Amino acid sequence: MWFGTDDGLSRFDGISFKNYYLSEYINATTSNSVKKIFIDRRGRMWIGLDTGIVI
């Protein structure tokens, strides 16, 4: 299960949480504030941030 937070993405596997800070994976100027999460038919995760969209 995925959760969007003001501090990135969190994934809960039923036992524990794993946090992902988007600025570590994309570039240093990317916001970590996740507003929306959408998984499309192809299994891609679309992440709506306060500064734009990341796929």
N, C-alpha and C. Protein backbone atom coordinates (compact mmCIF):
# COMPACT_ATOMS: atom_id res chain seq x y z
N MET A 1 0.83 -1.15 0.00
CA MET A 1 0.00 0.00 0.00
C MET A 1 0.90 1.24 0.00
N TRP A 2 0.60 2.20 -0.87
CA TRP A 2 1.39 3.42 -1.00
C TRP A 2 0.68 4.60 -0.35
N PHE A 3 1.47 5.47 0.27
CA PHE A 3 0.94 6.68 0.89
C PHE A 3 1.79 7.87 0.43
N GLY A 4 1.12 8.95 0.08
CA GLY A 4 1.82 10.18 -0.25
C GLY A 4 1.83 11.08 0.98
N THR A 5 2.98 11.64 1.28
CA THR A 5 3.11 12.52 2.45
C THR A 5 3.79 13.81 2.03
N ASP A 6 3.91 14.74 2.95
CA ASP A 6 4.66 15.97 2.68
C ASP A 6 6.15 15.72 2.65
N ASP A 7 6.55 14.51 3.01
CA ASP A 7 7.98 14.17 3.06
C ASP A 7 8.31 13.01 2.12
N GLY A 8 7.53 12.83 1.03
CA GLY A 8 7.82 11.78 0.05
C GLY A 8 6.77 10.69 0.02
N LEU A 9 7.17 9.54 -0.49
CA LEU A 9 6.30 8.37 -0.57
C LEU A 9 6.62 7.40 0.55
N SER A 10 5.60 6.74 1.04
CA SER A 10 5.79 5.67 2.02
C SER A 10 5.07 4.44 1.51
N ARG A 11 5.74 3.30 1.60
CA ARG A 11 5.14 2.03 1.20
C ARG A 11 5.03 1.14 2.43
N PHE A 12 3.83 0.61 2.64
CA PHE A 12 3.59 -0.31 3.75
C PHE A 12 3.38 -1.70 3.19
N ASP A 13 4.19 -2.65 3.61
CA ASP A 13 4.13 -4.02 3.09
C ASP A 13 3.34 -4.97 3.99
N GLY A 14 2.63 -4.42 4.98
CA GLY A 14 1.88 -5.24 5.91
C GLY A 14 2.60 -5.43 7.23
N ILE A 15 3.90 -5.13 7.23
CA ILE A 15 4.70 -5.28 8.44
C ILE A 15 5.38 -3.96 8.81
N SER A 16 6.01 -3.35 7.81
CA SER A 16 6.76 -2.13 8.10
C SER A 16 6.62 -1.12 6.96
N PHE A 17 7.03 0.12 7.24
CA PHE A 17 7.02 1.20 6.26
C PHE A 17 8.41 1.39 5.68
N LYS A 18 8.46 1.71 4.40
CA LYS A 18 9.71 2.11 3.73
C LYS A 18 9.44 3.48 3.14
N ASN A 19 10.28 4.46 3.43
CA ASN A 19 10.10 5.81 2.94
C ASN A 19 11.01 6.08 1.75
N TYR A 20 10.47 6.77 0.76
CA TYR A 20 11.20 7.16 -0.44
C TYR A 20 11.14 8.67 -0.57
N TYR A 21 12.29 9.30 -0.60
CA TYR A 21 12.39 10.74 -0.77
C TYR A 21 12.68 11.02 -2.23
N LEU A 22 11.72 11.58 -2.94
CA LEU A 22 11.82 11.74 -4.38
C LEU A 22 13.03 12.56 -4.80
N SER A 23 13.41 13.53 -3.99
CA SER A 23 14.57 14.36 -4.34
C SER A 23 15.86 13.55 -4.42
N GLU A 24 15.91 12.39 -3.80
CA GLU A 24 17.09 11.52 -3.87
C GLU A 24 17.13 10.73 -5.18
N TYR A 25 15.97 10.52 -5.82
CA TYR A 25 15.90 9.69 -7.01
C TYR A 25 15.83 10.49 -8.31
N ILE A 26 15.34 11.71 -8.26
CA ILE A 26 15.12 12.46 -9.49
C ILE A 26 16.16 13.55 -9.63
N ASN A 27 16.06 14.59 -8.84
CA ASN A 27 17.09 15.61 -8.76
C ASN A 27 16.88 16.42 -7.49
N ALA A 28 17.85 17.20 -7.13
CA ALA A 28 17.84 17.88 -5.83
C ALA A 28 16.75 18.94 -5.72
N THR A 29 16.20 19.40 -6.84
CA THR A 29 15.20 20.47 -6.78
C THR A 29 13.78 19.94 -6.76
N THR A 30 13.58 18.64 -6.88
CA THR A 30 12.24 18.05 -6.87
C THR A 30 11.65 18.13 -5.47
N SER A 31 10.40 18.50 -5.41
CA SER A 31 9.69 18.54 -4.13
C SER A 31 9.44 17.13 -3.62
N ASN A 32 9.38 16.98 -2.33
CA ASN A 32 9.01 15.70 -1.72
C ASN A 32 7.55 15.66 -1.29
N SER A 33 6.84 16.76 -1.50
CA SER A 33 5.46 16.86 -1.04
C SER A 33 4.50 16.22 -2.05
N VAL A 34 4.05 14.99 -1.75
CA VAL A 34 3.19 14.22 -2.64
C VAL A 34 1.74 14.59 -2.39
N LYS A 35 1.04 14.98 -3.46
CA LYS A 35 -0.37 15.38 -3.36
C LYS A 35 -1.31 14.30 -3.89
N LYS A 36 -0.92 13.60 -4.95
CA LYS A 36 -1.75 12.56 -5.56
C LYS A 36 -0.87 11.42 -6.04
N ILE A 37 -1.45 10.20 -6.05
CA ILE A 37 -0.79 9.02 -6.60
C ILE A 37 -1.80 8.31 -7.50
N PHE A 38 -1.34 7.94 -8.70
CA PHE A 38 -2.20 7.24 -9.64
C PHE A 38 -1.39 6.14 -10.31
N ILE A 39 -1.93 4.94 -10.39
CA ILE A 39 -1.29 3.83 -11.11
C ILE A 39 -2.09 3.62 -12.40
N ASP A 40 -1.42 3.73 -13.54
CA ASP A 40 -2.14 3.57 -14.81
C ASP A 40 -2.21 2.09 -15.22
N ARG A 41 -2.85 1.82 -16.34
CA ARG A 41 -3.05 0.44 -16.81
C ARG A 41 -1.74 -0.29 -17.09
N ARG A 42 -0.70 0.47 -17.39
CA ARG A 42 0.60 -0.14 -17.67
C ARG A 42 1.42 -0.35 -16.40
N GLY A 43 0.85 -0.02 -15.24
CA GLY A 43 1.54 -0.23 -13.98
C GLY A 43 2.48 0.90 -13.59
N ARG A 44 2.44 2.02 -14.33
CA ARG A 44 3.29 3.15 -14.01
C ARG A 44 2.65 3.98 -12.90
N MET A 45 3.47 4.46 -12.01
CA MET A 45 2.99 5.31 -10.92
C MET A 45 3.18 6.77 -11.32
N TRP A 46 2.08 7.51 -11.35
CA TRP A 46 2.09 8.94 -11.60
C TRP A 46 1.99 9.62 -10.24
N ILE A 47 2.95 10.48 -9.94
CA ILE A 47 3.01 11.13 -8.63
C ILE A 47 2.82 12.63 -8.84
N GLY A 48 1.74 13.15 -8.28
CA GLY A 48 1.48 14.57 -8.35
C GLY A 48 2.10 15.27 -7.15
N LEU A 49 3.02 16.18 -7.44
CA LEU A 49 3.71 16.93 -6.40
C LEU A 49 3.17 18.35 -6.38
N ASP A 50 3.59 19.13 -5.42
CA ASP A 50 3.17 20.52 -5.41
C ASP A 50 3.88 21.34 -6.49
N THR A 51 4.89 20.74 -7.14
CA THR A 51 5.64 21.42 -8.21
C THR A 51 5.48 20.79 -9.58
N GLY A 52 4.67 19.74 -9.73
CA GLY A 52 4.49 19.10 -11.02
C GLY A 52 4.17 17.61 -10.88
N ILE A 53 4.44 16.87 -11.97
CA ILE A 53 4.13 15.44 -12.02
C ILE A 53 5.39 14.65 -12.34
N VAL A 54 5.54 13.51 -11.68
CA VAL A 54 6.65 12.59 -11.93
C VAL A 54 6.04 11.23 -12.28
N ILE A 55 6.57 10.55 -13.28
CA ILE A 55 6.08 9.21 -13.65
C ILE A 55 7.14 8.19 -13.25
